Every structure is written in structure tokens, then in C-alpha cells.
Amino acid sequence: MNKKNYFVPGTPLYFAVKQSLLASLASGEWVRGEAIPPENQLAKKFGVSIGTLRKAVDELVKEHILVRHQGRGTFVATQESDQHFFRFFRIQRRDGLKSYPVTQLLKFQKKKASKEIREQLQLAKDAYIFEFFNLLSLNDDLVMIDEIQVPENLFSSLTEKSLAERSSTLYNFYQNNFGVNVIDTKEKLITCQANKDIATWLQVPENTALLQINRIAYTYNEKPVELRQSYVNTEKYEYIAKE
């Protein structure tokens, strides 16, 4: 970890420690499910008090980047738990029932990134992306279409077969297969009308009013790793805002 990048005058000490920890996570120094070094060892490494180090770790725990296990230590969070999944999947039935969706891959392609996508994913001019569409069903209802773009340079071995046959949630698949950890998302909600393809996939009339969720997913240090446009039939289902 390089102190000179974060330990600068005017920067709160705990925040500098937090950024250094994030840099280590981003570099793969500690991987998913692995324990980070003990707090006293990290405090000594950074030349800070246990209290300062603990404040930085506390924030990463609060942000679900790290997780504490009583009597065992602090570990890099995995993306397999219900808590992690429903932190990002915010669609539920109107009666409050939360369910894991059944996902069907509808379309997959590799293509050159448009200028808009390059800007949002911070990609080079000639960058390529993988684009795919998923149909999500909840409780046997066709509820949602996800249109997703990810950078080819981060997901170079991604194939239609591996995506269609994955046995885990998508973010867990990213973590397990590509070492990409989604730790935060930013979303904007608008309304839209179902185009011909979306209407066919959701089995609703063309131009049906839908909820559109535009999401950018981020890994460590606010690096964007995924764009997603979700089209939701809200006849029986609703979006739950972050608490």
C-alpha cells in the first residue's frame, strides 16, 4: 500500500487509511472470503492508533465491503448472502414478498462501445463491451428485462455459455469468475414505454408503461464496471428505495 497517495495534509487520518485499504482490495492483496490482517498489525503498518484504524474498518463494514465474524476476524465480503443480493435487487411483490428471480439469457453479443457507454464506463476510444439481455421472473410472473453492458477488458473470458449456465447471482458470478467486486450502485428511475422487443419478452402490449431503472455499478475506488437498464412491469411488483 502506498501511503503517499492518501496520507496528505488536510485529509482525515481514518479516511486516508480507508482509501489505502480500498487500494489493497482493488489490487487483489486480499480476495473474497479472505481475512485481512489483524487490526493491531494494520495500525502498526500505517503508523496510526487502533482507534483510527478501527474507524476506517468500521466504515468498510458498514458499506458491506468487509464483514466481521465474532472471534475469527474481519474478512473480505462475499456476494453470496441474501443480505448482499437484496441490497442490490430492489424489486418485490406488492404484498412485500421478496423472492430470488429466475433468470433467462435472451441475447448476448460483443460489440464496440458507443461514445456514451465509453464515457459512463470510463473506457478508451476503441474499447469493446459485452452486451446481454436477461429476462427475470418472480413467482412465475414475467417481471423484468435487464439490458447490461460490461467492459470487455474486465470480462475478457465471458461467453454466452458461461453466462447462461451460471449457478449464482450475477454479481457473485462477476466476483467468482473475474475478480470483479460490485460494492456500490447509483440508480436513476424514470418511466418508459415497452418497445417491440421488451413487450414481446414480457408478454405485454407494445407501449405498456414500465419503470426504467438506469444503474451504474462500481467496484473499489468508484471504478464503474457495469451499466444496466432494467425495464419493470409494475402491475404486481414495486421498487423499494434504499434505506
C-alpha atoms as a PDB file:
ATOM      1  CA  MET A   1       0.000   0.000   0.000  1.00  0.00           C
ATOM      2  CA  ASN A   2       1.320   3.398  -0.888  1.00  0.00           C
ATOM      3  CA  LYS A   3       0.848   5.995   1.814  1.00  0.00           C
ATOM      4  CA  LYS A   4       1.836   8.956  -0.311  1.00  0.00           C
ATOM      5  CA  ASN A   5      -1.335   8.599  -2.399  1.00  0.00           C
ATOM      6  CA  TYR A   6      -3.675   9.107   0.574  1.00  0.00           C
ATOM      7  CA  PHE A   7      -1.764  10.364   3.633  1.00  0.00           C
ATOM      8  CA  VAL A   8      -1.673  14.045   2.720  1.00  0.00           C
ATOM      9  CA  PRO A   9      -2.131  17.194   4.818  1.00  0.00           C
ATOM     10  CA  GLY A  10      -5.782  18.078   5.330  1.00  0.00           C
ATOM     11  CA  THR A  11      -7.051  14.525   4.782  1.00  0.00           C
ATOM     12  CA  PRO A  12      -8.662  12.920   7.848  1.00  0.00           C
ATOM     13  CA  LEU A  13      -6.371  10.171   9.025  1.00  0.00           C
ATOM     14  CA  TYR A  14      -9.051   7.459   9.140  1.00  0.00           C
ATOM     15  CA  PHE A  15     -10.154   8.363   5.607  1.00  0.00           C
ATOM     16  CA  ALA A  16      -6.582   8.019   4.329  1.00  0.00           C
ATOM     17  CA  VAL A  17      -6.391   4.584   5.966  1.00  0.00           C
ATOM     18  CA  LYS A  18      -9.735   3.634   4.397  1.00  0.00           C
ATOM     19  CA  GLN A  19      -8.528   4.627   0.928  1.00  0.00           C
ATOM     20  CA  SER A  20      -5.346   2.636   1.387  1.00  0.00           C
ATOM     21  CA  LEU A  21      -7.355  -0.411   2.420  1.00  0.00           C
ATOM     22  CA  LEU A  22      -9.531   0.012  -0.667  1.00  0.00           C
ATOM     23  CA  ALA A  23      -6.408   0.243  -2.827  1.00  0.00           C
ATOM     24  CA  SER A  24      -5.199  -3.071  -1.393  1.00  0.00           C
ATOM     25  CA  LEU A  25      -8.563  -4.677  -2.077  1.00  0.00           C
ATOM     26  CA  ALA A  26      -8.572  -3.317  -5.635  1.00  0.00           C
ATOM     27  CA  SER A  27      -5.088  -4.733  -6.256  1.00  0.00           C
ATOM     28  CA  GLY A  28      -6.169  -8.180  -5.069  1.00  0.00           C
ATOM     29  CA  GLU A  29      -3.936  -8.195  -1.988  1.00  0.00           C
ATOM     30  CA  TRP A  30      -6.899  -9.706  -0.113  1.00  0.00           C
ATOM     31  CA  VAL A  31      -9.531 -11.631  -2.047  1.00  0.00           C
ATOM     32  CA  ARG A  32     -13.154 -12.554  -1.370  1.00  0.00           C
ATOM     33  CA  GLY A  33     -13.697 -14.522   1.800  1.00  0.00           C
ATOM     34  CA  GLU A  34     -10.118 -13.948   2.985  1.00  0.00           C
ATOM     35  CA  ALA A  35      -9.296 -12.413   6.360  1.00  0.00           C
ATOM     36  CA  ILE A  36      -7.478  -9.083   6.360  1.00  0.00           C
ATOM     37  CA  PRO A  37      -4.563  -8.759   8.805  1.00  0.00           C
ATOM     38  CA  PRO A  38      -5.375  -8.106  12.493  1.00  0.00           C
ATOM     39  CA  GLU A  39      -6.163  -4.513  13.437  1.00  0.00           C
ATOM     40  CA  ASN A  40      -3.025  -4.095  15.560  1.00  0.00           C
ATOM     41  CA  GLN A  41      -0.868  -5.253  12.643  1.00  0.00           C
ATOM     42  CA  LEU A  42      -2.562  -2.853  10.210  1.00  0.00           C
ATOM     43  CA  ALA A  43      -2.388   0.023  12.691  1.00  0.00           C
ATOM     44  CA  LYS A  44       1.346  -0.538  13.060  1.00  0.00           C
ATOM     45  CA  LYS A  45       1.776  -0.717   9.277  1.00  0.00           C
ATOM     46  CA  PHE A  46       0.048   2.629   8.793  1.00  0.00           C
ATOM     47  CA  GLY A  47       1.540   4.232  11.872  1.00  0.00           C
ATOM     48  CA  VAL A  48      -1.877   5.092  13.318  1.00  0.00           C
ATOM     49  CA  SER A  49      -3.748   4.266  16.505  1.00  0.00           C
ATOM     50  CA  ILE A  50      -6.022   1.250  16.832  1.00  0.00           C
ATOM     51  CA  GLY A  51      -8.940   3.682  17.145  1.00  0.00           C
ATOM     52  CA  THR A  52      -8.132   5.353  13.818  1.00  0.00           C
ATOM     53  CA  LEU A  53      -7.677   2.024  12.069  1.00  0.00           C
ATOM     54  CA  ARG A  54     -10.916   0.690  13.544  1.00  0.00           C
ATOM     55  CA  LYS A  55     -12.870   3.738  12.337  1.00  0.00           C
ATOM     56  CA  ALA A  56     -11.693   3.067   8.772  1.00  0.00           C
ATOM     57  CA  VAL A  57     -12.580  -0.624   9.032  1.00  0.00           C
ATOM     58  CA  ASP A  58     -15.973   0.232  10.584  1.00  0.00           C
ATOM     59  CA  GLU A  59     -16.876   2.284   7.512  1.00  0.00           C
ATOM     60  CA  LEU A  60     -15.919  -0.563   5.176  1.00  0.00           C
ATOM     61  CA  VAL A  61     -18.031  -2.958   7.243  1.00  0.00           C
ATOM     62  CA  LYS A  62     -20.965  -0.542   7.117  1.00  0.00           C
ATOM     63  CA  GLU A  63     -20.572  -0.374   3.336  1.00  0.00           C
ATOM     64  CA  HIS A  64     -20.628  -4.223   3.135  1.00  0.00           C
ATOM     65  CA  ILE A  65     -17.096  -4.322   1.733  1.00  0.00           C
ATOM     66  CA  LEU A  66     -15.733  -6.086   4.798  1.00  0.00           C
ATOM     67  CA  VAL A  67     -17.558  -8.305   7.287  1.00  0.00           C
ATOM     68  CA  ARG A  68     -16.667  -9.083  10.891  1.00  0.00           C
ATOM     69  CA  HIS A  69     -17.028 -12.603  12.281  1.00  0.00           C
ATOM     70  CA  GLN A  70     -17.036 -12.691  16.054  1.00  0.00           C
ATOM     71  CA  GLY A  71     -13.923 -14.411  17.375  1.00  0.00           C
ATOM     72  CA  ARG A  72     -12.498 -15.007  13.894  1.00  0.00           C
ATOM     73  CA  GLY A  73     -11.579 -11.596  12.499  1.00  0.00           C
ATOM     74  CA  THR A  74     -12.543  -9.316   9.622  1.00  0.00           C
ATOM     75  CA  PHE A  75     -12.983 -10.744   6.129  1.00  0.00           C
ATOM     76  CA  VAL A  76     -13.487  -9.504   2.566  1.00  0.00           C
ATOM     77  CA  ALA A  77     -17.223  -9.796   1.952  1.00  0.00           C
ATOM     78  CA  THR A  78     -18.520 -12.367  -0.480  1.00  0.00           C
ATOM     79  CA  GLN A  79     -21.559 -11.709  -2.646  1.00  0.00           C
ATOM     80  CA  GLU A  80     -23.472 -14.877  -1.854  1.00  0.00           C
ATOM     81  CA  SER A  81     -25.710 -13.895   1.068  1.00  0.00           C
ATOM     82  CA  ASP A  82     -29.376 -12.895   0.957  1.00  0.00           C
ATOM     83  CA  GLN A  83     -28.406  -9.585   2.557  1.00  0.00           C
ATOM     84  CA  HIS A  84     -25.980  -8.787  -0.231  1.00  0.00           C
ATOM     85  CA  PHE A  85     -28.359  -9.828  -3.005  1.00  0.00           C
ATOM     86  CA  PHE A  86     -31.353  -7.848  -1.764  1.00  0.00           C
ATOM     87  CA  ARG A  87     -29.155  -4.821  -1.173  1.00  0.00           C
ATOM     88  CA  PHE A  88     -28.961  -4.503  -4.964  1.00  0.00           C
ATOM     89  CA  PHE A  89     -32.122  -6.282  -6.126  1.00  0.00           C
ATOM     90  CA  ARG A  90     -34.892  -3.954  -5.016  1.00  0.00           C
ATOM     91  CA  ILE A  91     -37.967  -5.354  -6.732  1.00  0.00           C
ATOM     92  CA  GLN A  92     -40.581  -7.109  -4.622  1.00  0.00           C
ATOM     93  CA  ARG A  93     -44.219  -8.109  -4.916  1.00  0.00           C
ATOM     94  CA  ARG A  94     -46.683  -5.510  -3.721  1.00  0.00           C
ATOM     95  CA  ASP A  95     -47.591  -7.641  -0.712  1.00  0.00           C
ATOM     96  CA  GLY A  96     -43.961  -7.378   0.464  1.00  0.00           C
ATOM     97  CA  LEU A  97     -42.779 -10.823  -0.662  1.00  0.00           C
ATOM     98  CA  LYS A  98     -39.088 -10.883  -1.596  1.00  0.00           C
ATOM     99  CA  SER A  99     -38.013 -13.645  -3.973  1.00  0.00           C
ATOM    100  CA  TYR A 100     -34.931 -14.647  -5.919  1.00  0.00           C
ATOM    101  CA  PRO A 101     -35.609 -14.215  -9.639  1.00  0.00           C
ATOM    102  CA  VAL A 102     -35.374 -16.987 -12.196  1.00  0.00           C
ATOM    103  CA  THR A 103     -33.168 -15.640 -14.980  1.00  0.00           C
ATOM    104  CA  GLN A 104     -33.159 -16.484 -18.677  1.00  0.00           C
ATOM    105  CA  LEU A 105     -30.485 -15.166 -21.029  1.00  0.00           C
ATOM    106  CA  LEU A 106     -32.191 -13.775 -24.126  1.00  0.00           C
ATOM    107  CA  LYS A 107     -29.407 -12.192 -26.142  1.00  0.00           C
ATOM    108  CA  PHE A 108     -25.607 -11.893 -25.974  1.00  0.00           C
ATOM    109  CA  GLN A 109     -23.091 -10.057 -28.143  1.00  0.00           C
ATOM    110  CA  LYS A 110     -19.696  -8.401 -28.156  1.00  0.00           C
ATOM    111  CA  LYS A 111     -19.556  -5.008 -29.829  1.00  0.00           C
ATOM    112  CA  LYS A 112     -17.647  -1.745 -29.965  1.00  0.00           C
ATOM    113  CA  ALA A 113     -18.650   0.622 -27.183  1.00  0.00           C
ATOM    114  CA  SER A 114     -20.572   3.736 -28.157  1.00  0.00           C
ATOM    115  CA  LYS A 115     -19.304   7.133 -27.047  1.00  0.00           C
ATOM    116  CA  GLU A 116     -21.975   7.334 -24.342  1.00  0.00           C
ATOM    117  CA  ILE A 117     -21.091   3.911 -22.938  1.00  0.00           C
ATOM    118  CA  ARG A 118     -17.362   4.691 -23.092  1.00  0.00           C
ATOM    119  CA  GLU A 119     -17.915   7.833 -21.063  1.00  0.00           C
ATOM    120  CA  GLN A 120     -20.032   6.097 -18.444  1.00  0.00           C
ATOM    121  CA  LEU A 121     -17.652   3.145 -18.080  1.00  0.00           C
ATOM    122  CA  GLN A 122     -14.519   5.288 -18.458  1.00  0.00           C
ATOM    123  CA  LEU A 123     -13.231   3.294 -21.429  1.00  0.00           C
ATOM    124  CA  ALA A 124     -10.713   4.017 -24.152  1.00  0.00           C
ATOM    125  CA  LYS A 125     -11.842   5.139 -27.619  1.00  0.00           C
ATOM    126  CA  ASP A 126     -11.587   1.722 -29.295  1.00  0.00           C
ATOM    127  CA  ALA A 127     -12.914  -0.291 -26.354  1.00  0.00           C
ATOM    128  CA  TYR A 128     -15.318  -3.201 -26.717  1.00  0.00           C
ATOM    129  CA  ILE A 129     -18.111  -4.310 -24.415  1.00  0.00           C
ATOM    130  CA  PHE A 130     -20.239  -7.368 -23.867  1.00  0.00           C
ATOM    131  CA  GLU A 131     -23.957  -6.618 -24.031  1.00  0.00           C
ATOM    132  CA  PHE A 132     -26.638  -9.047 -22.916  1.00  0.00           C
ATOM    133  CA  PHE A 133     -30.325  -9.145 -22.078  1.00  0.00           C
ATOM    134  CA  ASN A 134     -31.845 -11.170 -19.234  1.00  0.00           C
ATOM    135  CA  LEU A 135     -35.492 -11.966 -18.555  1.00  0.00           C
ATOM    136  CA  LEU A 136     -36.275 -12.130 -14.837  1.00  0.00           C
ATOM    137  CA  SER A 137     -39.295 -13.987 -13.485  1.00  0.00           C
ATOM    138  CA  LEU A 138     -40.593 -13.754  -9.928  1.00  0.00           C
ATOM    139  CA  ASN A 139     -43.144 -16.222  -8.549  1.00  0.00           C
ATOM    140  CA  ASP A 140     -43.820 -17.418 -12.127  1.00  0.00           C
ATOM    141  CA  ASP A 141     -44.554 -13.836 -13.264  1.00  0.00           C
ATOM    142  CA  LEU A 142     -42.551 -12.251 -16.102  1.00  0.00           C
ATOM    143  CA  VAL A 143     -41.448  -9.080 -14.343  1.00  0.00           C
ATOM    144  CA  MET A 144     -38.264  -7.541 -15.650  1.00  0.00           C
ATOM    145  CA  ILE A 145     -35.811  -7.214 -18.532  1.00  0.00           C
ATOM    146  CA  ASP A 146     -32.189  -6.312 -17.772  1.00  0.00           C
ATOM    147  CA  GLU A 147     -30.115  -4.794 -20.570  1.00  0.00           C
ATOM    148  CA  ILE A 148     -26.496  -4.969 -19.379  1.00  0.00           C
ATOM    149  CA  GLN A 149     -23.155  -3.726 -20.707  1.00  0.00           C
ATOM    150  CA  VAL A 150     -19.787  -4.681 -19.180  1.00  0.00           C
ATOM    151  CA  PRO A 151     -16.253  -3.809 -20.364  1.00  0.00           C
ATOM    152  CA  GLU A 152     -14.505  -6.468 -22.424  1.00  0.00           C
ATOM    153  CA  ASN A 153     -11.167  -5.668 -20.758  1.00  0.00           C
ATOM    154  CA  LEU A 154     -12.523  -6.697 -17.319  1.00  0.00           C
ATOM    155  CA  PHE A 155     -14.564  -9.678 -18.555  1.00  0.00           C
ATOM    156  CA  SER A 156     -12.390 -10.959 -21.392  1.00  0.00           C
ATOM    157  CA  SER A 157     -13.267 -14.645 -20.940  1.00  0.00           C
ATOM    158  CA  LEU A 158     -17.019 -14.066 -20.676  1.00  0.00           C
ATOM    159  CA  THR A 159     -19.017 -16.306 -23.010  1.00  0.00           C
ATOM    160  CA  GLU A 160     -22.688 -16.755 -23.760  1.00  0.00           C
ATOM    161  CA  LYS A 161     -22.461 -20.322 -22.441  1.00  0.00           C
ATOM    162  CA  SER A 162     -20.843 -19.394 -19.113  1.00  0.00           C
ATOM    163  CA  LEU A 163     -23.355 -16.603 -18.593  1.00  0.00           C
ATOM    164  CA  ALA A 164     -26.364 -18.770 -19.412  1.00  0.00           C
ATOM    165  CA  GLU A 165     -25.184 -21.679 -17.259  1.00  0.00           C
ATOM    166  CA  ARG A 166     -24.039 -19.732 -14.186  1.00  0.00           C
ATOM    167  CA  SER A 167     -25.353 -21.148 -10.932  1.00  0.00           C
ATOM    168  CA  SER A 168     -25.059 -17.990  -8.828  1.00  0.00           C
ATOM    169  CA  THR A 169     -26.323 -14.426  -8.821  1.00  0.00           C
ATOM    170  CA  LEU A 170     -24.783 -12.165 -11.440  1.00  0.00           C
ATOM    171  CA  TYR A 171     -22.633 -10.146  -9.021  1.00  0.00           C
ATOM    172  CA  ASN A 172     -21.455 -13.355  -7.371  1.00  0.00           C
ATOM    173  CA  PHE A 173     -20.615 -14.650 -10.876  1.00  0.00           C
ATOM    174  CA  TYR A 174     -18.586 -11.469 -11.519  1.00  0.00           C
ATOM    175  CA  GLN A 175     -16.716 -11.951  -8.246  1.00  0.00           C
ATOM    176  CA  ASN A 176     -16.027 -15.674  -8.594  1.00  0.00           C
ATOM    177  CA  ASN A 177     -15.057 -15.724 -12.265  1.00  0.00           C
ATOM    178  CA  PHE A 178     -13.494 -12.328 -12.937  1.00  0.00           C
ATOM    179  CA  GLY A 179     -12.458 -10.950  -9.550  1.00  0.00           C
ATOM    180  CA  VAL A 180     -14.804  -8.001 -10.026  1.00  0.00           C
ATOM    181  CA  ASN A 181     -16.472  -6.985  -6.768  1.00  0.00           C
ATOM    182  CA  VAL A 182     -19.519  -4.740  -7.048  1.00  0.00           C
ATOM    183  CA  ILE A 183     -19.634  -2.690  -3.866  1.00  0.00           C
ATOM    184  CA  ASP A 184     -21.977   0.157  -4.788  1.00  0.00           C
ATOM    185  CA  THR A 185     -24.514   1.254  -7.370  1.00  0.00           C
ATOM    186  CA  LYS A 186     -26.086   4.522  -8.433  1.00  0.00           C
ATOM    187  CA  GLU A 187     -29.574   4.432  -9.914  1.00  0.00           C
ATOM    188  CA  LYS A 188     -31.951   6.802 -11.636  1.00  0.00           C
ATOM    189  CA  LEU A 189     -35.622   5.945 -12.102  1.00  0.00           C
ATOM    190  CA  ILE A 190     -37.792   7.080 -14.996  1.00  0.00           C
ATOM    191  CA  THR A 191     -40.893   5.799 -16.736  1.00  0.00           C
ATOM    192  CA  CYS A 192     -40.867   4.471 -20.275  1.00  0.00           C
ATOM    193  CA  GLN A 193     -42.974   2.509 -22.737  1.00  0.00           C
ATOM    194  CA  ALA A 194     -42.255  -1.054 -23.791  1.00  0.00           C
ATOM    195  CA  ASN A 195     -40.736  -1.247 -27.260  1.00  0.00           C
ATOM    196  CA  LYS A 196     -41.478  -4.208 -29.513  1.00  0.00           C
ATOM    197  CA  ASP A 197     -38.729  -6.480 -28.131  1.00  0.00           C
ATOM    198  CA  ILE A 198     -39.366  -5.667 -24.467  1.00  0.00           C
ATOM    199  CA  ALA A 199     -43.113  -6.102 -24.932  1.00  0.00           C
ATOM    200  CA  THR A 200     -42.606  -9.480 -26.594  1.00  0.00           C
ATOM    201  CA  TRP A 201     -40.262 -10.713 -23.874  1.00  0.00           C
ATOM    202  CA  LEU A 202     -42.526  -9.529 -21.033  1.00  0.00           C
ATOM    203  CA  GLN A 203     -45.673 -10.627 -22.882  1.00  0.00           C
ATOM    204  CA  VAL A 204     -47.358  -7.236 -22.527  1.00  0.00           C
ATOM    205  CA  PRO A 205     -48.829  -4.946 -25.195  1.00  0.00           C
ATOM    206  CA  GLU A 206     -46.380  -2.710 -27.002  1.00  0.00           C
ATOM    207  CA  ASN A 207     -46.144   0.766 -25.399  1.00  0.00           C
ATOM    208  CA  THR A 208     -47.165  -0.571 -21.973  1.00  0.00           C
ATOM    209  CA  ALA A 209     -45.932   1.813 -19.266  1.00  0.00           C
ATOM    210  CA  LEU A 210     -42.883   0.411 -17.441  1.00  0.00           C
ATOM    211  CA  LEU A 211     -40.497   1.512 -14.736  1.00  0.00           C
ATOM    212  CA  GLN A 212     -36.979   2.003 -16.130  1.00  0.00           C
ATOM    213  CA  ILE A 213     -34.044   1.775 -13.719  1.00  0.00           C
ATOM    214  CA  ASN A 214     -30.739   3.111 -15.051  1.00  0.00           C
ATOM    215  CA  ARG A 215     -27.859   1.776 -12.959  1.00  0.00           C
ATOM    216  CA  ILE A 216     -24.100   2.160 -12.875  1.00  0.00           C
ATOM    217  CA  ALA A 217     -22.334  -0.438 -10.706  1.00  0.00           C
ATOM    218  CA  TYR A 218     -18.975   0.334  -9.115  1.00  0.00           C
ATOM    219  CA  THR A 219     -16.072  -1.617  -7.699  1.00  0.00           C
ATOM    220  CA  TYR A 220     -13.400  -0.216  -5.377  1.00  0.00           C
ATOM    221  CA  ASN A 221     -12.401   3.442  -5.687  1.00  0.00           C
ATOM    222  CA  GLU A 222     -15.603   4.255  -7.598  1.00  0.00           C
ATOM    223  CA  LYS A 223     -14.493   2.474 -10.756  1.00  0.00           C
ATOM    224  CA  PRO A 224     -17.557   1.758 -12.949  1.00  0.00           C
ATOM    225  CA  VAL A 225     -17.805  -1.886 -14.057  1.00  0.00           C
ATOM    226  CA  GLU A 226     -21.357  -2.327 -15.340  1.00  0.00           C
ATOM    227  CA  LEU A 227     -24.180  -0.390 -16.962  1.00  0.00           C
ATOM    228  CA  ARG A 228     -27.694  -1.718 -16.592  1.00  0.00           C
ATOM    229  CA  GLN A 229     -31.093  -0.616 -17.843  1.00  0.00           C
ATOM    230  CA  SER A 230     -33.915  -2.532 -16.183  1.00  0.00           C
ATOM    231  CA  TYR A 231     -37.475  -2.464 -17.519  1.00  0.00           C
ATOM    232  CA  VAL A 232     -40.011  -3.466 -14.864  1.00  0.00           C
ATOM    233  CA  ASN A 233     -43.664  -4.392 -15.227  1.00  0.00           C
ATOM    234  CA  THR A 234     -45.115  -2.818 -12.085  1.00  0.00           C
ATOM    235  CA  GLU A 235     -48.596  -4.339 -12.355  1.00  0.00           C
ATOM    236  CA  LYS A 236     -47.881  -6.628  -9.375  1.00  0.00           C
ATOM    237  CA  TYR A 237     -44.392  -5.501  -8.344  1.00  0.00           C
ATOM    238  CA  GLU A 238     -42.734  -2.381  -6.950  1.00  0.00           C
ATOM    239  CA  TYR A 239     -39.322  -0.826  -6.417  1.00  0.00           C
ATOM    240  CA  ILE A 240     -38.141  -0.407  -2.829  1.00  0.00           C
ATOM    241  CA  ALA A 241     -35.815   2.544  -2.261  1.00  0.00           C
ATOM    242  CA  LYS A 242     -32.562   2.159  -0.361  1.00  0.00           C
ATOM    243  CA  GLU A 243     -32.909   2.694   3.364  1.00  0.00           C
END
